[in-house]
Structure formats: structure tokens, C-alpha cells
Amino acid sequence: MVRKLYGFLMSMDLKEIEKYIKEAMPDAVIEIQDLAGDGNHYSATVTSSQFSGKSKIEQHKMVYNSLKGKMGNELHALAIKTKER
């Protein structure tokens, strides 16, 4: 479900997604693609030393947590791929 404000769909752009992830993981290298061209369906590859020793599930949770509750609201869909640096 996408949140509406005054009748307009609210969505996140690439730079905003990157900003949230960088705030949580300053050393991250982030590649984001808009999969559908609609500003709602993204794919992100995040490479960070903070992933070292963590399972893929823990790594993905770190990325989702960095988005501060935006997932499922302003951000409709995000496919995540993580890599250790």
C-alpha cells in the first residue's frame, strides 16, 4: 500500500533511499535501480564492511532498518542484494 498525501502518491526516489542507507552504513557502496520506472519498485545492491560475520537475513534486516519504517509505505518494493566488503 502506498501512502497518499493530499491525493498524491508518496514515493521515495533513488537519492532518498541511498541517503537513509548511507546514514546507517557510512562505508556502504550502494547501487540502486528503478525496476519499473514508476518510483515504487527498486533493486538495491549494498556492499558494506558492517555485514562481516552476519547472515544474509541479518544483512537484509540492517538495510530494511536503515529505511526507518519507509518500507511498505513510501517505498513499495525493494529487492535487496548484500555483499561484504
PDB file of N, CA and C in Angstrom:
ATOM      1  N   MET A   1       0.839  -1.179   0.000  1.00  0.00           N
ATOM      2  CA  MET A   1       0.000   0.000   0.000  1.00  0.00           C
ATOM      3  C   MET A   1       0.881   1.239   0.000  1.00  0.00           C
ATOM      4  N   VAL A   2       0.572   2.188  -0.854  1.00  0.00           N
ATOM      5  CA  VAL A   2       1.337   3.420  -0.950  1.00  0.00           C
ATOM      6  C   VAL A   2       0.572   4.523  -0.229  1.00  0.00           C
ATOM      7  N   ARG A   3       1.278   5.255   0.608  1.00  0.00           N
ATOM      8  CA  ARG A   3       0.654   6.338   1.368  1.00  0.00           C
ATOM      9  C   ARG A   3       0.296   7.494   0.434  1.00  0.00           C
ATOM     10  N   LYS A   4      -0.833   8.126   0.691  1.00  0.00           N
ATOM     11  CA  LYS A   4      -1.253   9.283  -0.097  1.00  0.00           C
ATOM     12  C   LYS A   4      -1.246  10.520   0.785  1.00  0.00           C
ATOM     13  N   LEU A   5      -0.842  11.623   0.196  1.00  0.00           N
ATOM     14  CA  LEU A   5      -0.863  12.905   0.878  1.00  0.00           C
ATOM     15  C   LEU A   5      -1.571  13.885  -0.046  1.00  0.00           C
ATOM     16  N   TYR A   6      -2.703  14.382   0.386  1.00  0.00           N
ATOM     17  CA  TYR A   6      -3.500  15.311  -0.415  1.00  0.00           C
ATOM     18  C   TYR A   6      -3.801  14.754  -1.801  1.00  0.00           C
ATOM     19  N   GLY A   7      -4.051  13.436  -1.870  1.00  0.00           N
ATOM     20  CA  GLY A   7      -4.427  12.822  -3.134  1.00  0.00           C
ATOM     21  C   GLY A   7      -3.253  12.434  -4.017  1.00  0.00           C
ATOM     22  N   PHE A   8      -2.022  12.734  -3.619  1.00  0.00           N
ATOM     23  CA  PHE A   8      -0.861  12.390  -4.427  1.00  0.00           C
ATOM     24  C   PHE A   8      -0.162  11.182  -3.826  1.00  0.00           C
ATOM     25  N   LEU A   9       0.299  10.284  -4.666  1.00  0.00           N
ATOM     26  CA  LEU A   9       1.041   9.135  -4.177  1.00  0.00           C
ATOM     27  C   LEU A   9       2.398   9.586  -3.667  1.00  0.00           C
ATOM     28  N   MET A  10       2.760   9.096  -2.489  1.00  0.00           N
ATOM     29  CA  MET A  10       4.063   9.395  -1.923  1.00  0.00           C
ATOM     30  C   MET A  10       5.000   8.247  -2.261  1.00  0.00           C
ATOM     31  N   SER A  11       6.160   8.566  -2.782  1.00  0.00           N
ATOM     32  CA  SER A  11       7.144   7.532  -3.069  1.00  0.00           C
ATOM     33  C   SER A  11       8.525   8.079  -2.758  1.00  0.00           C
ATOM     34  N   MET A  12       9.492   7.189  -2.719  1.00  0.00           N
ATOM     35  CA  MET A  12      10.872   7.582  -2.444  1.00  0.00           C
ATOM     36  C   MET A  12      11.648   7.536  -3.757  1.00  0.00           C
ATOM     37  N   ASP A  13      12.576   8.475  -3.911  1.00  0.00           N
ATOM     38  CA  ASP A  13      13.430   8.410  -5.088  1.00  0.00           C
ATOM     39  C   ASP A  13      14.755   7.745  -4.722  1.00  0.00           C
ATOM     40  N   LEU A  14      15.548   7.467  -5.726  1.00  0.00           N
ATOM     41  CA  LEU A  14      16.818   6.762  -5.538  1.00  0.00           C
ATOM     42  C   LEU A  14      17.722   7.452  -4.530  1.00  0.00           C
ATOM     43  N   LYS A  15      17.836   8.740  -4.620  1.00  0.00           N
ATOM     44  CA  LYS A  15      18.729   9.500  -3.738  1.00  0.00           C
ATOM     45  C   LYS A  15      18.283   9.420  -2.287  1.00  0.00           C
ATOM     46  N   GLU A  16      16.978   9.417  -2.058  1.00  0.00           N
ATOM     47  CA  GLU A  16      16.458   9.343  -0.698  1.00  0.00           C
ATOM     48  C   GLU A  16      16.741   7.964  -0.085  1.00  0.00           C
ATOM     49  N   ILE A  17      16.567   6.905  -0.873  1.00  0.00           N
ATOM     50  CA  ILE A  17      16.877   5.559  -0.401  1.00  0.00           C
ATOM     51  C   ILE A  17      18.353   5.470  -0.055  1.00  0.00           C
ATOM     52  N   GLU A  18      19.192   5.963  -0.948  1.00  0.00           N
ATOM     53  CA  GLU A  18      20.638   5.942  -0.725  1.00  0.00           C
ATOM     54  C   GLU A  18      21.007   6.734   0.534  1.00  0.00           C
ATOM     55  N   LYS A  19      20.379   7.866   0.748  1.00  0.00           N
ATOM     56  CA  LYS A  19      20.664   8.705   1.913  1.00  0.00           C
ATOM     57  C   LYS A  19      20.391   7.947   3.217  1.00  0.00           C
ATOM     58  N   TYR A  20      19.256   7.281   3.298  1.00  0.00           N
ATOM     59  CA  TYR A  20      18.909   6.530   4.511  1.00  0.00           C
ATOM     60  C   TYR A  20      19.902   5.400   4.774  1.00  0.00           C
ATOM     61  N   ILE A  21      20.271   4.669   3.726  1.00  0.00           N
ATOM     62  CA  ILE A  21      21.216   3.561   3.894  1.00  0.00           C
ATOM     63  C   ILE A  21      22.579   4.095   4.304  1.00  0.00           C
ATOM     64  N   LYS A  22      23.033   5.180   3.674  1.00  0.00           N
ATOM     65  CA  LYS A  22      24.336   5.777   3.997  1.00  0.00           C
ATOM     66  C   LYS A  22      24.386   6.303   5.426  1.00  0.00           C
ATOM     67  N   GLU A  23      23.280   6.825   5.927  1.00  0.00           N
ATOM     68  CA  GLU A  23      23.243   7.303   7.312  1.00  0.00           C
ATOM     69  C   GLU A  23      23.510   6.156   8.284  1.00  0.00           C
ATOM     70  N   ALA A  24      22.962   4.983   7.983  1.00  0.00           N
ATOM     71  CA  ALA A  24      23.122   3.822   8.855  1.00  0.00           C
ATOM     72  C   ALA A  24      24.444   3.093   8.613  1.00  0.00           C
ATOM     73  N   MET A  25      24.924   3.134   7.365  1.00  0.00           N
ATOM     74  CA  MET A  25      26.150   2.428   6.985  1.00  0.00           C
ATOM     75  C   MET A  25      27.023   3.354   6.132  1.00  0.00           C
ATOM     76  N   PRO A  26      27.759   4.238   6.772  1.00  0.00           N
ATOM     77  CA  PRO A  26      28.516   5.254   6.037  1.00  0.00           C
ATOM     78  C   PRO A  26      29.516   4.710   5.016  1.00  0.00           C
ATOM     79  N   ASP A  27      30.029   3.492   5.234  1.00  0.00           N
ATOM     80  CA  ASP A  27      31.019   2.949   4.295  1.00  0.00           C
ATOM     81  C   ASP A  27      30.378   2.200   3.122  1.00  0.00           C
ATOM     82  N   ALA A  28      29.054   2.151   3.084  1.00  0.00           N
ATOM     83  CA  ALA A  28      28.350   1.361   2.072  1.00  0.00           C
ATOM     84  C   ALA A  28      28.556   1.911   0.662  1.00  0.00           C
ATOM     85  N   VAL A  29      28.711   0.963  -0.255  1.00  0.00           N
ATOM     86  CA  VAL A  29      28.665   1.268  -1.681  1.00  0.00           C
ATOM     87  C   VAL A  29      27.295   0.767  -2.124  1.00  0.00           C
ATOM     88  N   ILE A  30      26.503   1.657  -2.712  1.00  0.00           N
ATOM     89  CA  ILE A  30      25.100   1.360  -2.993  1.00  0.00           C
ATOM     90  C   ILE A  30      24.804   1.542  -4.473  1.00  0.00           C
ATOM     91  N   GLU A  31      24.205   0.530  -5.064  1.00  0.00           N
ATOM     92  CA  GLU A  31      23.742   0.607  -6.454  1.00  0.00           C
ATOM     93  C   GLU A  31      22.234   0.373  -6.429  1.00  0.00           C
ATOM     94  N   ILE A  32      21.481   1.332  -6.927  1.00  0.00           N
ATOM     95  CA  ILE A  32      20.014   1.225  -6.898  1.00  0.00           C
ATOM     96  C   ILE A  32      19.477   1.375  -8.316  1.00  0.00           C
ATOM     97  N   GLN A  33      18.513   0.529  -8.646  1.00  0.00           N
ATOM     98  CA  GLN A  33      17.845   0.609  -9.941  1.00  0.00           C
ATOM     99  C   GLN A  33      16.339   0.714  -9.729  1.00  0.00           C
ATOM    100  N   ASP A  34      15.706   1.555 -10.529  1.00  0.00           N
ATOM    101  CA  ASP A  34      14.242   1.649 -10.545  1.00  0.00           C
ATOM    102  C   ASP A  34      13.771   0.595 -11.544  1.00  0.00           C
ATOM    103  N   LEU A  35      13.227  -0.506 -11.047  1.00  0.00           N
ATOM    104  CA  LEU A  35      12.907  -1.660 -11.880  1.00  0.00           C
ATOM    105  C   LEU A  35      11.761  -1.429 -12.858  1.00  0.00           C
ATOM    106  N   ALA A  36      10.769  -0.670 -12.454  1.00  0.00           N
ATOM    107  CA  ALA A  36       9.579  -0.494 -13.291  1.00  0.00           C
ATOM    108  C   ALA A  36       9.451   0.922 -13.847  1.00  0.00           C
ATOM    109  N   GLY A  37      10.347   1.825 -13.455  1.00  0.00           N
ATOM    110  CA  GLY A  37      10.259   3.204 -13.905  1.00  0.00           C
ATOM    111  C   GLY A  37       9.125   3.967 -13.257  1.00  0.00           C
ATOM    112  N   ASP A  38       8.594   3.421 -12.155  1.00  0.00           N
ATOM    113  CA  ASP A  38       7.435   4.049 -11.518  1.00  0.00           C
ATOM    114  C   ASP A  38       7.749   4.686 -10.163  1.00  0.00           C
ATOM    115  N   GLY A  39       9.028   4.636  -9.747  1.00  0.00           N
ATOM    116  CA  GLY A  39       9.398   5.214  -8.463  1.00  0.00           C
ATOM    117  C   GLY A  39       8.910   4.424  -7.262  1.00  0.00           C
ATOM    118  N   ASN A  40       8.476   3.191  -7.478  1.00  0.00           N
ATOM    119  CA  ASN A  40       7.962   2.361  -6.393  1.00  0.00           C
ATOM    120  C   ASN A  40       8.583   0.981  -6.298  1.00  0.00           C
ATOM    121  N   HIS A  41       9.277   0.543  -7.335  1.00  0.00           N
ATOM    122  CA  HIS A  41       9.846  -0.803  -7.373  1.00  0.00           C
ATOM    123  C   HIS A  41      11.345  -0.696  -7.663  1.00  0.00           C
ATOM    124  N   TYR A  42      12.150  -0.960  -6.633  1.00  0.00           N
ATOM    125  CA  TYR A  42      13.591  -0.784  -6.745  1.00  0.00           C
ATOM    126  C   TYR A  42      14.347  -2.074  -6.445  1.00  0.00           C
ATOM    127  N   SER A  43      15.570  -2.108  -6.931  1.00  0.00           N
ATOM    128  CA  SER A  43      16.526  -3.144  -6.591  1.00  0.00           C
ATOM    129  C   SER A  43      17.763  -2.428  -6.062  1.00  0.00           C
ATOM    130  N   ALA A  44      18.298  -2.918  -4.933  1.00  0.00           N
ATOM    131  CA  ALA A  44      19.489  -2.289  -4.358  1.00  0.00           C
ATOM    132  C   ALA A  44      20.539  -3.355  -4.062  1.00  0.00           C
ATOM    133  N   THR A  45      21.772  -3.061  -4.460  1.00  0.00           N
ATOM    134  CA  THR A  45      22.922  -3.863  -4.069  1.00  0.00           C
ATOM    135  C   THR A  45      23.722  -3.009  -3.102  1.00  0.00           C
ATOM    136  N   VAL A  46      23.912  -3.521  -1.895  1.00  0.00           N
ATOM    137  CA  VAL A  46      24.594  -2.773  -0.842  1.00  0.00           C
ATOM    138  C   VAL A  46      25.819  -3.575  -0.405  1.00  0.00           C
ATOM    139  N   THR A  47      26.985  -2.930  -0.484  1.00  0.00           N
ATOM    140  CA  THR A  47      28.238  -3.547  -0.067  1.00  0.00           C
ATOM    141  C   THR A  47      28.760  -2.756   1.128  1.00  0.00           C
ATOM    142  N   SER A  48      29.017  -3.467   2.247  1.00  0.00           N
ATOM    143  CA  SER A  48      29.463  -2.786   3.459  1.00  0.00           C
ATOM    144  C   SER A  48      30.299  -3.722   4.327  1.00  0.00           C
ATOM    145  N   SER A  49      31.275  -3.154   5.010  1.00  0.00           N
ATOM    146  CA  SER A  49      32.068  -3.931   5.966  1.00  0.00           C
ATOM    147  C   SER A  49      31.229  -4.299   7.191  1.00  0.00           C
ATOM    148  N   GLN A  50      30.144  -3.586   7.421  1.00  0.00           N
ATOM    149  CA  GLN A  50      29.276  -3.876   8.567  1.00  0.00           C
ATOM    150  C   GLN A  50      28.559  -5.218   8.425  1.00  0.00           C
ATOM    151  N   PHE A  51      28.556  -5.794   7.230  1.00  0.00           N
ATOM    152  CA  PHE A  51      27.915  -7.082   7.006  1.00  0.00           C
ATOM    153  C   PHE A  51      28.810  -8.255   7.415  1.00  0.00           C
ATOM    154  N   SER A  52      30.067  -7.983   7.677  1.00  0.00           N
ATOM    155  CA  SER A  52      31.022  -9.031   8.009  1.00  0.00           C
ATOM    156  C   SER A  52      30.554  -9.858   9.205  1.00  0.00           C
ATOM    157  N   GLY A  53      30.532 -11.188   9.024  1.00  0.00           N
ATOM    158  CA  GLY A  53      30.149 -12.090  10.095  1.00  0.00           C
ATOM    159  C   GLY A  53      28.657 -12.212  10.324  1.00  0.00           C
ATOM    160  N   LYS A  54      27.849 -11.553   9.504  1.00  0.00           N
ATOM    161  CA  LYS A  54      26.398 -11.586   9.663  1.00  0.00           C
ATOM    162  C   LYS A  54      25.782 -12.466   8.574  1.00  0.00           C
ATOM    163  N   SER A  55      24.665 -13.103   8.914  1.00  0.00           N
ATOM    164  CA  SER A  55      23.942 -13.910   7.923  1.00  0.00           C
ATOM    165  C   SER A  55      23.269 -12.979   6.911  1.00  0.00           C
ATOM    166  N   LYS A  56      22.846 -13.547   5.797  1.00  0.00           N
ATOM    167  CA  LYS A  56      22.142 -12.751   4.782  1.00  0.00           C
ATOM    168  C   LYS A  56      20.871 -12.140   5.363  1.00  0.00           C
ATOM    169  N   ILE A  57      20.179 -12.886   6.203  1.00  0.00           N
ATOM    170  CA  ILE A  57      18.955 -12.359   6.828  1.00  0.00           C
ATOM    171  C   ILE A  57      19.288 -11.151   7.696  1.00  0.00           C
ATOM    172  N   GLU A  58      20.346 -11.260   8.499  1.00  0.00           N
ATOM    173  CA  GLU A  58      20.756 -10.134   9.339  1.00  0.00           C
ATOM    174  C   GLU A  58      21.172  -8.935   8.492  1.00  0.00           C
ATOM    175  N   GLN A  59      21.868  -9.187   7.393  1.00  0.00           N
ATOM    176  CA  GLN A  59      22.297  -8.114   6.497  1.00  0.00           C
ATOM    177  C   GLN A  59      21.091  -7.396   5.891  1.00  0.00           C
ATOM    178  N   HIS A  60      20.115  -8.167   5.439  1.00  0.00           N
ATOM    179  CA  HIS A  60      18.917  -7.565   4.840  1.00  0.00           C
ATOM    180  C   HIS A  60      18.132  -6.783   5.883  1.00  0.00           C
ATOM    181  N   LYS A  61      18.055  -7.300   7.109  1.00  0.00           N
ATOM    182  CA  LYS A  61      17.379  -6.565   8.184  1.00  0.00           C
ATOM    183  C   LYS A  61      18.069  -5.239   8.450  1.00  0.00           C
ATOM    184  N   MET A  62      19.400  -5.217   8.365  1.00  0.00           N
ATOM    185  CA  MET A  62      20.136  -3.965   8.566  1.00  0.00           C
ATOM    186  C   MET A  62      19.725  -2.931   7.522  1.00  0.00           C
ATOM    187  N   VAL A  63      19.584  -3.378   6.276  1.00  0.00           N
ATOM    188  CA  VAL A  63      19.183  -2.453   5.207  1.00  0.00           C
ATOM    189  C   VAL A  63      17.748  -1.982   5.442  1.00  0.00           C
ATOM    190  N   TYR A  64      16.831  -2.914   5.726  1.00  0.00           N
ATOM    191  CA  TYR A  64      15.437  -2.531   5.981  1.00  0.00           C
ATOM    192  C   TYR A  64      15.336  -1.579   7.171  1.00  0.00           C
ATOM    193  N   ASN A  65      16.073  -1.861   8.236  1.00  0.00           N
ATOM    194  CA  ASN A  65      16.048  -0.991   9.416  1.00  0.00           C
ATOM    195  C   ASN A  65      16.565   0.406   9.101  1.00  0.00           C
ATOM    196  N   SER A  66      17.516   0.502   8.183  1.00  0.00           N
ATOM    197  CA  SER A  66      18.059   1.817   7.816  1.00  0.00           C
ATOM    198  C   SER A  66      16.996   2.697   7.158  1.00  0.00           C
ATOM    199  N   LEU A  67      15.957   2.087   6.612  1.00  0.00           N
ATOM    200  CA  LEU A  67      14.909   2.839   5.915  1.00  0.00           C
ATOM    201  C   LEU A  67      13.859   3.407   6.874  1.00  0.00           C
ATOM    202  N   LYS A  68      14.026   3.157   8.147  1.00  0.00           N
ATOM    203  CA  LYS A  68      13.232   3.788   9.212  1.00  0.00           C
ATOM    204  C   LYS A  68      11.717   3.732   8.984  1.00  0.00           C
ATOM    205  N   GLY A  69      11.217   2.553   8.677  1.00  0.00           N
ATOM    206  CA  GLY A  69       9.775   2.383   8.535  1.00  0.00           C
ATOM    207  C   GLY A  69       9.196   2.836   7.209  1.00  0.00           C
ATOM    208  N   LYS A  70      10.029   3.233   6.280  1.00  0.00           N
ATOM    209  CA  LYS A  70       9.525   3.694   4.979  1.00  0.00           C
ATOM    210  C   LYS A  70       9.095   2.524   4.090  1.00  0.00           C
ATOM    211  N   MET A  71       9.675   1.328   4.335  1.00  0.00           N
ATOM    212  CA  MET A  71       9.342   0.156   3.537  1.00  0.00           C
ATOM    213  C   MET A  71       7.879  -0.200   3.743  1.00  0.00           C
ATOM    214  N   GLY A  72       7.154  -0.353   2.652  1.00  0.00           N
ATOM    215  CA  GLY A  72       5.730  -0.657   2.734  1.00  0.00           C
ATOM    216  C   GLY A  72       4.864   0.582   2.775  1.00  0.00           C
ATOM    217  N   ASN A  73       5.476   1.732   2.954  1.00  0.00           N
ATOM    218  CA  ASN A  73       4.743   2.998   2.944  1.00  0.00           C
ATOM    219  C   ASN A  73       5.188   3.801   1.726  1.00  0.00           C
ATOM    220  N   GLU A  74       6.136   4.716   1.916  1.00  0.00           N
ATOM    221  CA  GLU A  74       6.641   5.486   0.777  1.00  0.00           C
ATOM    222  C   GLU A  74       7.382   4.605  -0.223  1.00  0.00           C
ATOM    223  N   LEU A  75       7.996   3.552   0.284  1.00  0.00           N
ATOM    224  CA  LEU A  75       8.746   2.629  -0.561  1.00  0.00           C
ATOM    225  C   LEU A  75       7.958   1.334  -0.677  1.00  0.00           C
ATOM    226  N   HIS A  76       7.437   1.085  -1.859  1.00  0.00           N
ATOM    227  CA  HIS A  76       6.544  -0.055  -2.059  1.00  0.00           C
ATOM    228  C   HIS A  76       7.292  -1.382  -2.122  1.00  0.00           C
ATOM    229  N   ALA A  77       8.360  -1.453  -2.928  1.00  0.00           N
ATOM    230  CA  ALA A  77       9.070  -2.719  -3.105  1.00  0.00           C
ATOM    231  C   ALA A  77      10.564  -2.467  -3.291  1.00  0.00           C
ATOM    232  N   LEU A  78      11.363  -3.229  -2.549  1.00  0.00           N
ATOM    233  CA  LEU A  78      12.820  -3.122  -2.659  1.00  0.00           C
ATOM    234  C   LEU A  78      13.421  -4.517  -2.594  1.00  0.00           C
ATOM    235  N   ALA A  79      14.012  -4.947  -3.705  1.00  0.00           N
ATOM    236  CA  ALA A  79      14.743  -6.206  -3.733  1.00  0.00           C
ATOM    237  C   ALA A  79      16.169  -5.892  -3.286  1.00  0.00           C
ATOM    238  N   ILE A  80      16.665  -6.649  -2.325  1.00  0.00           N
ATOM    239  CA  ILE A  80      17.981  -6.336  -1.749  1.00  0.00           C
ATOM    240  C   ILE A  80      18.974  -7.455  -2.035  1.00  0.00           C
ATOM    241  N   LYS A  81      20.165  -7.029  -2.420  1.00  0.00           N
ATOM    242  CA  LYS A  81      21.314  -7.934  -2.522  1.00  0.00           C
ATOM    243  C   LYS A  81      22.408  -7.297  -1.679  1.00  0.00           C
ATOM    244  N   THR A  82      23.010  -8.076  -0.781  1.00  0.00           N
ATOM    245  CA  THR A  82      24.064  -7.532   0.084  1.00  0.00           C
ATOM    246  C   THR A  82      25.372  -8.270  -0.165  1.00  0.00           C
ATOM    247  N   LYS A  83      26.468  -7.532   0.042  1.00  0.00           N
ATOM    248  CA  LYS A  83      27.806  -8.097  -0.121  1.00  0.00           C
ATOM    249  C   LYS A  83      28.697  -7.564   0.993  1.00  0.00           C
ATOM    250  N   GLU A  84      29.580  -8.423   1.473  1.00  0.00           N
ATOM    251  CA  GLU A  84      30.579  -7.977   2.463  1.00  0.00           C
ATOM    252  C   GLU A  84      31.701  -7.278   1.743  1.00  0.00           C
ATOM    253  N   ARG A  85      32.223  -6.272   2.385  1.00  0.00           N
ATOM    254  CA  ARG A  85      33.335  -5.519   1.820  1.00  0.00           C
ATOM    255  C   ARG A  85      34.614  -6.055   2.355  1.00  0.00           C
TER     256      ARG A  85
END
